[in-house]
């Protein structure tokens, strides 16, 4: 029996790695191939560092074929190590900061 699920439903399910039992987070985005129109991977956005003031940790990219089960409450994956994508770098400028505060 084929069961359908939506991304908004998947965003409320914890992603658990079966290799070490760690909770990786929640699915924030999907990577879809425009050539084959198939889902290639789930993306878990990196956690913010100090409320986002020091940027974010790298995003986790979970290949679609690593997913073992999509259950009611969790998504079970089996991966030894995950490739990470670094968030885009933003140049910090004291000039922009001073302009923001009117100094």
PDB file of N, CA and C in Angstrom:
ATOM      1  N   UNK A   1       0.847  -1.179   0.000  1.00  0.00           N
ATOM      2  CA  UNK A   1       0.000   0.000   0.000  1.00  0.00           C
ATOM      3  C   UNK A   1       0.891   1.241   0.000  1.00  0.00           C
ATOM      4  N   UNK A   2       0.592   2.174  -0.848  1.00  0.00           N
ATOM      5  CA  UNK A   2       1.366   3.394  -0.981  1.00  0.00           C
ATOM      6  C   UNK A   2       0.740   4.494  -0.134  1.00  0.00           C
ATOM      7  N   UNK A   3       1.558   5.102   0.719  1.00  0.00           N
ATOM      8  CA  UNK A   3       1.081   6.170   1.589  1.00  0.00           C
ATOM      9  C   UNK A   3       1.729   7.470   1.146  1.00  0.00           C
ATOM     10  N   UNK A   4       0.956   8.524   1.080  1.00  0.00           N
ATOM     11  CA  UNK A   4       1.469   9.829   0.675  1.00  0.00           C
ATOM     12  C   UNK A   4       1.679  10.698   1.907  1.00  0.00           C
ATOM     13  N   UNK A   5       2.668  11.557   1.840  1.00  0.00           N
ATOM     14  CA  UNK A   5       2.915  12.507   2.918  1.00  0.00           C
ATOM     15  C   UNK A   5       3.342  13.838   2.304  1.00  0.00           C
ATOM     16  N   UNK A   6       3.099  14.902   3.017  1.00  0.00           N
ATOM     17  CA  UNK A   6       3.461  16.238   2.560  1.00  0.00           C
ATOM     18  C   UNK A   6       4.673  16.735   3.327  1.00  0.00           C
ATOM     19  N   UNK A   7       5.362  17.716   2.751  1.00  0.00           N
ATOM     20  CA  UNK A   7       6.524  18.287   3.421  1.00  0.00           C
ATOM     21  C   UNK A   7       6.123  18.935   4.743  1.00  0.00           C
ATOM     22  N   UNK A   8       4.970  19.596   4.774  1.00  0.00           N
ATOM     23  CA  UNK A   8       4.544  20.241   6.021  1.00  0.00           C
ATOM     24  C   UNK A   8       4.300  19.209   7.125  1.00  0.00           C
ATOM     25  N   UNK A   9       3.915  17.988   6.768  1.00  0.00           N
ATOM     26  CA  UNK A   9       3.768  16.923   7.757  1.00  0.00           C
ATOM     27  C   UNK A   9       5.128  16.381   8.179  1.00  0.00           C
ATOM     28  N   UNK A  10       6.070  16.310   7.233  1.00  0.00           N
ATOM     29  CA  UNK A  10       7.403  15.801   7.538  1.00  0.00           C
ATOM     30  C   UNK A  10       8.183  16.761   8.427  1.00  0.00           C
ATOM     31  N   UNK A  11       7.857  18.050   8.361  1.00  0.00           N
ATOM     32  CA  UNK A  11       8.561  19.044   9.161  1.00  0.00           C
ATOM     33  C   UNK A  11       8.279  18.905  10.652  1.00  0.00           C
ATOM     34  N   UNK A  12       7.252  18.158  11.024  1.00  0.00           N
ATOM     35  CA  UNK A  12       6.900  17.965  12.430  1.00  0.00           C
ATOM     36  C   UNK A  12       7.372  16.614  12.969  1.00  0.00           C
ATOM     37  N   UNK A  13       8.161  15.900  12.178  1.00  0.00           N
ATOM     38  CA  UNK A  13       8.663  14.589  12.600  1.00  0.00           C
ATOM     39  C   UNK A  13      10.159  14.683  12.868  1.00  0.00           C
ATOM     40  N   UNK A  14      10.593  14.130  14.005  1.00  0.00           N
ATOM     41  CA  UNK A  14      12.014  14.115  14.321  1.00  0.00           C
ATOM     42  C   UNK A  14      12.735  13.150  13.395  1.00  0.00           C
ATOM     43  N   UNK A  15      13.939  13.517  12.998  1.00  0.00           N
ATOM     44  CA  UNK A  15      14.772  12.626  12.194  1.00  0.00           C
ATOM     45  C   UNK A  15      15.773  11.976  13.136  1.00  0.00           C
ATOM     46  N   UNK A  16      15.727  10.638  13.202  1.00  0.00           N
ATOM     47  CA  UNK A  16      16.570   9.870  14.126  1.00  0.00           C
ATOM     48  C   UNK A  16      17.520   8.989  13.319  1.00  0.00           C
ATOM     49  N   UNK A  17      18.809   9.060  13.658  1.00  0.00           N
ATOM     50  CA  UNK A  17      19.818   8.230  13.007  1.00  0.00           C
ATOM     51  C   UNK A  17      19.871   6.880  13.719  1.00  0.00           C
ATOM     52  N   UNK A  18      19.647   5.802  12.989  1.00  0.00           N
ATOM     53  CA  UNK A  18      19.650   4.466  13.572  1.00  0.00           C
ATOM     54  C   UNK A  18      21.056   3.970  13.916  1.00  0.00           C
ATOM     55  N   UNK A  19      22.086   4.539  13.298  1.00  0.00           N
ATOM     56  CA  UNK A  19      23.465   4.099  13.561  1.00  0.00           C
ATOM     57  C   UNK A  19      23.903   4.410  14.986  1.00  0.00           C
ATOM     58  N   UNK A  20      23.552   5.621  15.480  1.00  0.00           N
ATOM     59  CA  UNK A  20      23.993   6.004  16.818  1.00  0.00           C
ATOM     60  C   UNK A  20      22.861   6.499  17.720  1.00  0.00           C
ATOM     61  N   UNK A  21      21.646   6.500  17.223  1.00  0.00           N
ATOM     62  CA  UNK A  21      20.496   6.895  18.030  1.00  0.00           C
ATOM     63  C   UNK A  21      20.353   8.390  18.232  1.00  0.00           C
ATOM     64  N   UNK A  22      21.119   9.194  17.497  1.00  0.00           N
ATOM     65  CA  UNK A  22      21.054  10.640  17.684  1.00  0.00           C
ATOM     66  C   UNK A  22      19.860  11.242  16.946  1.00  0.00           C
ATOM     67  N   UNK A  23      19.325  12.293  17.527  1.00  0.00           N
ATOM     68  CA  UNK A  23      18.243  13.049  16.894  1.00  0.00           C
ATOM     69  C   UNK A  23      18.894  14.145  16.070  1.00  0.00           C
ATOM     70  N   UNK A  24      18.659  14.143  14.770  1.00  0.00           N
ATOM     71  CA  UNK A  24      19.311  15.081  13.867  1.00  0.00           C
ATOM     72  C   UNK A  24      18.553  16.385  13.719  1.00  0.00           C
ATOM     73  N   UNK A  25      17.286  16.391  14.055  1.00  0.00           N
ATOM     74  CA  UNK A  25      16.476  17.601  13.923  1.00  0.00           C
ATOM     75  C   UNK A  25      15.204  17.309  13.155  1.00  0.00           C
ATOM     76  N   UNK A  26      14.715  18.323  12.485  1.00  0.00           N
ATOM     77  CA  UNK A  26      13.488  18.223  11.701  1.00  0.00           C
ATOM     78  C   UNK A  26      13.786  18.591  10.248  1.00  0.00           C
ATOM     79  N   UNK A  27      13.047  18.002   9.320  1.00  0.00           N
ATOM     80  CA  UNK A  27      13.239  18.302   7.900  1.00  0.00           C
ATOM     81  C   UNK A  27      12.787  19.731   7.625  1.00  0.00           C
ATOM     82  N   UNK A  28      13.699  20.537   7.122  1.00  0.00           N
ATOM     83  CA  UNK A  28      13.373  21.923   6.797  1.00  0.00           C
ATOM     84  C   UNK A  28      13.128  22.123   5.309  1.00  0.00           C
ATOM     85  N   UNK A  29      13.746  21.281   4.492  1.00  0.00           N
ATOM     86  CA  UNK A  29      13.645  21.481   3.058  1.00  0.00           C
ATOM     87  C   UNK A  29      13.914  20.167   2.343  1.00  0.00           C
ATOM     88  N   UNK A  30      13.586  20.124   1.069  1.00  0.00           N
ATOM     89  CA  UNK A  30      13.854  18.969   0.214  1.00  0.00           C
ATOM     90  C   UNK A  30      14.733  19.419  -0.942  1.00  0.00           C
ATOM     91  N   UNK A  31      15.589  18.532  -1.401  1.00  0.00           N
ATOM     92  CA  UNK A  31      16.364  18.781  -2.603  1.00  0.00           C
ATOM     93  C   UNK A  31      15.766  17.901  -3.690  1.00  0.00           C
ATOM     94  N   UNK A  32      15.247  18.533  -4.738  1.00  0.00           N
ATOM     95  CA  UNK A  32      14.543  17.814  -5.807  1.00  0.00           C
ATOM     96  C   UNK A  32      15.317  17.993  -7.110  1.00  0.00           C
ATOM     97  N   UNK A  33      15.519  16.900  -7.819  1.00  0.00           N
ATOM     98  CA  UNK A  33      16.189  16.945  -9.117  1.00  0.00           C
ATOM     99  C   UNK A  33      15.218  17.499 -10.151  1.00  0.00           C
ATOM    100  N   UNK A  34      15.655  18.500 -10.885  1.00  0.00           N
ATOM    101  CA  UNK A  34      14.794  19.063 -11.926  1.00  0.00           C
ATOM    102  C   UNK A  34      14.787  18.199 -13.185  1.00  0.00           C
ATOM    103  N   UNK A  35      15.788  17.327 -13.313  1.00  0.00           N
ATOM    104  CA  UNK A  35      15.841  16.451 -14.482  1.00  0.00           C
ATOM    105  C   UNK A  35      14.919  15.254 -14.339  1.00  0.00           C
ATOM    106  N   UNK A  36      14.904  14.647 -13.144  1.00  0.00           N
ATOM    107  CA  UNK A  36      14.104  13.441 -12.936  1.00  0.00           C
ATOM    108  C   UNK A  36      12.835  13.682 -12.127  1.00  0.00           C
ATOM    109  N   UNK A  37      12.700  14.872 -11.558  1.00  0.00           N
ATOM    110  CA  UNK A  37      11.544  15.224 -10.727  1.00  0.00           C
ATOM    111  C   UNK A  37      11.389  14.286  -9.537  1.00  0.00           C
ATOM    112  N   UNK A  38      12.525  13.868  -8.964  1.00  0.00           N
ATOM    113  CA  UNK A  38      12.508  12.994  -7.797  1.00  0.00           C
ATOM    114  C   UNK A  38      13.229  13.675  -6.644  1.00  0.00           C
ATOM    115  N   UNK A  39      12.798  13.330  -5.437  1.00  0.00           N
ATOM    116  CA  UNK A  39      13.432  13.865  -4.242  1.00  0.00           C
ATOM    117  C   UNK A  39      14.790  13.192  -4.077  1.00  0.00           C
ATOM    118  N   UNK A  40      15.842  13.998  -3.945  1.00  0.00           N
ATOM    119  CA  UNK A  40      17.190  13.457  -3.788  1.00  0.00           C
ATOM    120  C   UNK A  40      17.610  13.401  -2.326  1.00  0.00           C
ATOM    121  N   UNK A  41      17.199  14.399  -1.528  1.00  0.00           N
ATOM    122  CA  UNK A  41      17.630  14.407  -0.131  1.00  0.00           C
ATOM    123  C   UNK A  41      16.761  15.326   0.712  1.00  0.00           C
ATOM    124  N   UNK A  42      16.823  15.090   2.022  1.00  0.00           N
ATOM    125  CA  UNK A  42      16.210  15.970   3.011  1.00  0.00           C
ATOM    126  C   UNK A  42      17.290  16.900   3.526  1.00  0.00           C
ATOM    127  N   UNK A  43      16.921  18.126   3.829  1.00  0.00           N
ATOM    128  CA  UNK A  43      17.879  19.083   4.374  1.00  0.00           C
ATOM    129  C   UNK A  43      17.406  19.517   5.747  1.00  0.00           C
ATOM    130  N   UNK A  44      18.309  19.400   6.721  1.00  0.00           N
ATOM    131  CA  UNK A  44      18.054  19.858   8.084  1.00  0.00           C
ATOM    132  C   UNK A  44      18.921  21.094   8.280  1.00  0.00           C
ATOM    133  N   UNK A  45      18.287  22.244   8.490  1.00  0.00           N
ATOM    134  CA  UNK A  45      19.040  23.485   8.667  1.00  0.00           C
ATOM    135  C   UNK A  45      19.878  23.413   9.933  1.00  0.00           C
ATOM    136  N   UNK A  46      21.074  23.988   9.865  1.00  0.00           N
ATOM    137  CA  UNK A  46      21.972  24.010  11.006  1.00  0.00           C
ATOM    138  C   UNK A  46      21.407  24.833  12.150  1.00  0.00           C
ATOM    139  N   UNK A  47      21.771  24.454  13.351  1.00  0.00           N
ATOM    140  CA  UNK A  47      21.281  25.167  14.528  1.00  0.00           C
ATOM    141  C   UNK A  47      21.967  26.519  14.646  1.00  0.00           C
ATOM    142  N   UNK A  48      21.242  27.538  15.097  1.00  0.00           N
ATOM    143  CA  UNK A  48      21.878  28.853  15.265  1.00  0.00           C
ATOM    144  C   UNK A  48      22.858  28.839  16.435  1.00  0.00           C
ATOM    145  N   UNK A  49      23.911  29.621  16.292  1.00  0.00           N
ATOM    146  CA  UNK A  49      24.906  29.767  17.359  1.00  0.00           C
ATOM    147  C   UNK A  49      24.615  31.054  18.110  1.00  0.00           C
ATOM    148  N   UNK A  50      24.407  30.950  19.394  1.00  0.00           N
ATOM    149  CA  UNK A  50      24.115  32.077  20.274  1.00  0.00           C
ATOM    150  C   UNK A  50      23.005  32.950  19.683  1.00  0.00           C
ATOM    151  N   UNK A  51      21.826  32.348  19.548  1.00  0.00           N
ATOM    152  CA  UNK A  51      20.627  33.010  19.048  1.00  0.00           C
ATOM    153  C   UNK A  51      20.806  33.574  17.641  1.00  0.00           C
ATOM    154  N   UNK A  52      21.703  32.991  16.870  1.00  0.00           N
ATOM    155  CA  UNK A  52      21.921  33.434  15.503  1.00  0.00           C
ATOM    156  C   UNK A  52      22.911  34.572  15.355  1.00  0.00           C
ATOM    157  N   UNK A  53      23.444  35.090  16.465  1.00  0.00           N
ATOM    158  CA  UNK A  53      24.388  36.193  16.383  1.00  0.00           C
ATOM    159  C   UNK A  53      25.718  35.774  15.772  1.00  0.00           C
ATOM    160  N   UNK A  54      26.101  34.519  15.956  1.00  0.00           N
ATOM    161  CA  UNK A  54      27.350  34.014  15.410  1.00  0.00           C
ATOM    162  C   UNK A  54      27.113  33.070  14.244  1.00  0.00           C
ATOM    163  N   UNK A  55      26.026  33.260  13.519  1.00  0.00           N
ATOM    164  CA  UNK A  55      25.739  32.436  12.356  1.00  0.00           C
ATOM    165  C   UNK A  55      25.073  31.123  12.734  1.00  0.00           C
ATOM    166  N   UNK A  56      25.192  30.165  11.833  1.00  0.00           N
ATOM    167  CA  UNK A  56      24.571  28.870  12.022  1.00  0.00           C
ATOM    168  C   UNK A  56      25.588  27.768  11.802  1.00  0.00           C
ATOM    169  N   UNK A  57      25.282  26.604  12.337  1.00  0.00           N
ATOM    170  CA  UNK A  57      26.073  25.420  12.029  1.00  0.00           C
ATOM    171  C   UNK A  57      25.732  25.000  10.603  1.00  0.00           C
ATOM    172  N   UNK A  58      26.571  24.195   9.969  1.00  0.00           N
ATOM    173  CA  UNK A  58      26.283  23.759   8.600  1.00  0.00           C
ATOM    174  C   UNK A  58      24.987  22.944   8.523  1.00  0.00           C
ATOM    175  N   UNK A  59      24.309  23.049   7.376  1.00  0.00           N
ATOM    176  CA  UNK A  59      23.105  22.263   7.138  1.00  0.00           C
ATOM    177  C   UNK A  59      23.481  20.796   6.940  1.00  0.00           C
ATOM    178  N   UNK A  60      22.605  19.896   7.396  1.00  0.00           N
ATOM    179  CA  UNK A  60      22.802  18.460   7.178  1.00  0.00           C
ATOM    180  C   UNK A  60      22.018  18.038   5.943  1.00  0.00           C
ATOM    181  N   UNK A  61      22.660  17.278   5.089  1.00  0.00           N
ATOM    182  CA  UNK A  61      22.014  16.782   3.874  1.00  0.00           C
ATOM    183  C   UNK A  61      21.885  15.270   4.019  1.00  0.00           C
ATOM    184  N   UNK A  62      20.644  14.791   4.067  1.00  0.00           N
ATOM    185  CA  UNK A  62      20.374  13.362   4.260  1.00  0.00           C
ATOM    186  C   UNK A  62      19.889  12.783   2.935  1.00  0.00           C
ATOM    187  N   UNK A  63      20.685  11.896   2.316  1.00  0.00           N
ATOM    188  CA  UNK A  63      20.260  11.302   1.042  1.00  0.00           C
ATOM    189  C   UNK A  63      18.942  10.535   1.196  1.00  0.00           C
ATOM    190  N   UNK A  64      18.111  10.636   0.182  1.00  0.00           N
ATOM    191  CA  UNK A  64      16.786  10.016   0.232  1.00  0.00           C
ATOM    192  C   UNK A  64      16.873   8.503   0.383  1.00  0.00           C
ATOM    193  N   UNK A  65      17.887   7.883  -0.219  1.00  0.00           N
ATOM    194  CA  UNK A  65      17.995   6.431  -0.116  1.00  0.00           C
ATOM    195  C   UNK A  65      18.487   5.970   1.263  1.00  0.00           C
ATOM    196  N   UNK A  66      18.877   6.904   2.144  1.00  0.00           N
ATOM    197  CA  UNK A  66      19.265   6.561   3.519  1.00  0.00           C
ATOM    198  C   UNK A  66      18.066   6.473   4.455  1.00  0.00           C
ATOM    199  N   UNK A  67      16.904   6.905   3.993  1.00  0.00           N
ATOM    200  CA  UNK A  67      15.702   6.866   4.826  1.00  0.00           C
ATOM    201  C   UNK A  67      15.197   5.429   4.899  1.00  0.00           C
ATOM    202  N   UNK A  68      15.065   4.931   6.125  1.00  0.00           N
ATOM    203  CA  UNK A  68      14.578   3.568   6.339  1.00  0.00           C
ATOM    204  C   UNK A  68      13.056   3.538   6.453  1.00  0.00           C
ATOM    205  N   UNK A  69      12.511   4.431   7.286  1.00  0.00           N
ATOM    206  CA  UNK A  69      11.072   4.441   7.543  1.00  0.00           C
ATOM    207  C   UNK A  69      10.602   5.863   7.815  1.00  0.00           C
ATOM    208  N   UNK A  70       9.433   6.183   7.295  1.00  0.00           N
ATOM    209  CA  UNK A  70       8.775   7.434   7.656  1.00  0.00           C
ATOM    210  C   UNK A  70       7.542   7.038   8.445  1.00  0.00           C
ATOM    211  N   UNK A  71       7.614   7.234   9.756  1.00  0.00           N
ATOM    212  CA  UNK A  71       6.521   6.847  10.634  1.00  0.00           C
ATOM    213  C   UNK A  71       5.615   8.013  10.979  1.00  0.00           C
ATOM    214  N   UNK A  72       4.727   7.796  11.939  1.00  0.00           N
ATOM    215  CA  UNK A  72       3.797   8.839  12.357  1.00  0.00           C
ATOM    216  C   UNK A  72       4.491   9.966  13.111  1.00  0.00           C
ATOM    217  N   UNK A  73       5.509   9.618  13.925  1.00  0.00           N
ATOM    218  CA  UNK A  73       6.165  10.608  14.770  1.00  0.00           C
ATOM    219  C   UNK A  73       7.618  10.870  14.397  1.00  0.00           C
ATOM    220  N   UNK A  74       8.245   9.996  13.632  1.00  0.00           N
ATOM    221  CA  UNK A  74       9.670  10.133  13.361  1.00  0.00           C
ATOM    222  C   UNK A  74      10.021   9.614  11.973  1.00  0.00           C
ATOM    223  N   UNK A  75      11.157  10.094  11.493  1.00  0.00           N
ATOM    224  CA  UNK A  75      11.752   9.611  10.250  1.00  0.00           C
ATOM    225  C   UNK A  75      13.046   8.921  10.649  1.00  0.00           C
ATOM    226  N   UNK A  76      13.156   7.639  10.352  1.00  0.00           N
ATOM    227  CA  UNK A  76      14.334   6.871  10.725  1.00  0.00           C
ATOM    228  C   UNK A  76      15.283   6.781   9.543  1.00  0.00           C
ATOM    229  N   UNK A  77      16.537   7.197   9.769  1.00  0.00           N
ATOM    230  CA  UNK A  77      17.547   7.162   8.722  1.00  0.00           C
ATOM    231  C   UNK A  77      18.724   6.335   9.209  1.00  0.00           C
ATOM    232  N   UNK A  78      19.496   5.830   8.277  1.00  0.00           N
ATOM    233  CA  UNK A  78      20.672   5.042   8.615  1.00  0.00           C
ATOM    234  C   UNK A  78      21.861   5.594   7.834  1.00  0.00           C
ATOM    235  N   UNK A  79      22.625   6.470   8.493  1.00  0.00           N
ATOM    236  CA  UNK A  79      23.796   7.077   7.862  1.00  0.00           C
ATOM    237  C   UNK A  79      24.965   7.055   8.842  1.00  0.00           C
ATOM    238  N   UNK A  80      26.156   6.744   8.319  1.00  0.00           N
ATOM    239  CA  UNK A  80      27.353   6.732   9.162  1.00  0.00           C
ATOM    240  C   UNK A  80      27.864   8.152   9.379  1.00  0.00           C
ATOM    241  N   UNK A  81      27.965   8.923   8.311  1.00  0.00           N
ATOM    242  CA  UNK A  81      28.371  10.323   8.417  1.00  0.00           C
ATOM    243  C   UNK A  81      27.577  11.110   7.393  1.00  0.00           C
ATOM    244  N   UNK A  82      27.265  12.331   7.744  1.00  0.00           N
ATOM    245  CA  UNK A  82      26.428  13.159   6.886  1.00  0.00           C
ATOM    246  C   UNK A  82      27.242  14.258   6.228  1.00  0.00           C
ATOM    247  N   UNK A  83      27.026  14.471   4.934  1.00  0.00           N
ATOM    248  CA  UNK A  83      27.671  15.619   4.306  1.00  0.00           C
ATOM    249  C   UNK A  83      26.987  16.898   4.784  1.00  0.00           C
ATOM    250  N   UNK A  84      27.763  17.898   5.050  1.00  0.00           N
ATOM    251  CA  UNK A  84      27.210  19.167   5.523  1.00  0.00           C
ATOM    252  C   UNK A  84      27.418  20.235   4.465  1.00  0.00           C
ATOM    253  N   UNK A  85      26.452  21.118   4.355  1.00  0.00           N
ATOM    254  CA  UNK A  85      26.573  22.258   3.472  1.00  0.00           C
ATOM    255  C   UNK A  85      26.683  23.493   4.346  1.00  0.00           C
ATOM    256  N   UNK A  86      27.712  24.248   4.117  1.00  0.00           N
ATOM    257  CA  UNK A  86      27.899  25.468   4.903  1.00  0.00           C
ATOM    258  C   UNK A  86      26.885  26.516   4.464  1.00  0.00           C
ATOM    259  N   UNK A  87      26.312  27.257   5.415  1.00  0.00           N
ATOM    260  CA  UNK A  87      25.406  28.321   5.039  1.00  0.00           C
ATOM    261  C   UNK A  87      26.163  29.415   4.298  1.00  0.00           C
ATOM    262  N   UNK A  88      25.462  30.219   3.513  1.00  0.00           N
ATOM    263  CA  UNK A  88      26.167  31.270   2.790  1.00  0.00           C
ATOM    264  C   UNK A  88      26.823  32.248   3.761  1.00  0.00           C
ATOM    265  N   UNK A  89      28.051  32.644   3.428  1.00  0.00           N
ATOM    266  CA  UNK A  89      28.780  33.571   4.289  1.00  0.00           C
ATOM    267  C   UNK A  89      28.284  34.985   4.054  1.00  0.00           C
ATOM    268  N   UNK A  90      28.147  35.703   5.143  1.00  0.00           N
ATOM    269  CA  UNK A  90      27.759  37.108   5.063  1.00  0.00           C
ATOM    270  C   UNK A  90      28.908  37.933   5.611  1.00  0.00           C
ATOM    271  N   UNK A  91      29.296  38.908   4.851  1.00  0.00           N
ATOM    272  CA  UNK A  91      30.395  39.754   5.292  1.00  0.00           C
ATOM    273  C   UNK A  91      29.894  40.695   6.384  1.00  0.00           C
ATOM    274  N   UNK A  92      30.613  40.731   7.489  1.00  0.00           N
ATOM    275  CA  UNK A  92      30.255  41.615   8.591  1.00  0.00           C
ATOM    276  C   UNK A  92      30.899  42.967   8.346  1.00  0.00           C
ATOM    277  N   UNK A  93      30.130  44.012   8.537  1.00  0.00           N
ATOM    278  CA  UNK A  93      30.644  45.348   8.311  1.00  0.00           C
ATOM    279  C   UNK A  93      30.269  46.241   9.486  1.00  0.00           C
ATOM    280  N   UNK A  94      31.283  46.807  10.129  1.00  0.00           N
ATOM    281  CA  UNK A  94      31.009  47.746  11.217  1.00  0.00           C
ATOM    282  C   UNK A  94      30.307  48.988  10.689  1.00  0.00           C
ATOM    283  N   UNK A  95      30.599  49.351   9.451  1.00  0.00           N
ATOM    284  CA  UNK A  95      29.968  50.533   8.860  1.00  0.00           C
ATOM    285  C   UNK A  95      28.453  50.342   8.778  1.00  0.00           C
ATOM    286  N   UNK A  96      28.010  49.191   8.319  1.00  0.00           N
ATOM    287  CA  UNK A  96      26.571  48.927   8.239  1.00  0.00           C
ATOM    288  C   UNK A  96      25.953  48.889   9.630  1.00  0.00           C
ATOM    289  N   UNK A  97      26.695  48.336  10.597  1.00  0.00           N
ATOM    290  CA  UNK A  97      26.201  48.260  11.971  1.00  0.00           C
ATOM    291  C   UNK A  97      26.004  49.663  12.549  1.00  0.00           C
ATOM    292  N   UNK A  98      26.980  50.551  12.323  1.00  0.00           N
ATOM    293  CA  UNK A  98      26.872  51.938  12.815  1.00  0.00           C
ATOM    294  C   UNK A  98      25.740  52.682  12.109  1.00  0.00           C
ATOM    295  N   UNK A  99      25.567  52.453  10.806  1.00  0.00           N
ATOM    296  CA  UNK A  99      24.476  53.089  10.080  1.00  0.00           C
ATOM    297  C   UNK A  99      23.129  52.634  10.602  1.00  0.00           C
ATOM    298  N   UNK A 100      23.044  51.368  10.973  1.00  0.00           N
ATOM    299  CA  UNK A 100      21.803  50.826  11.509  1.00  0.00           C
ATOM    300  C   UNK A 100      21.422  51.527  12.810  1.00  0.00           C
ATOM    301  N   UNK A 101      22.418  51.763  13.692  1.00  0.00           N
ATOM    302  CA  UNK A 101      22.160  52.379  14.990  1.00  0.00           C
ATOM    303  C   UNK A 101      22.245  53.902  14.941  1.00  0.00           C
ATOM    304  N   UNK A 102      22.502  54.455  13.758  1.00  0.00           N
ATOM    305  CA  UNK A 102      22.511  55.899  13.622  1.00  0.00           C
ATOM    306  C   UNK A 102      23.735  56.566  14.205  1.00  0.00           C
ATOM    307  N   UNK A 103      24.835  55.855  14.279  1.00  0.00           N
ATOM    308  CA  UNK A 103      26.059  56.438  14.848  1.00  0.00           C
ATOM    309  C   UNK A 103      26.939  57.025  13.782  1.00  0.00           C
TER     310      UNK A 103
END
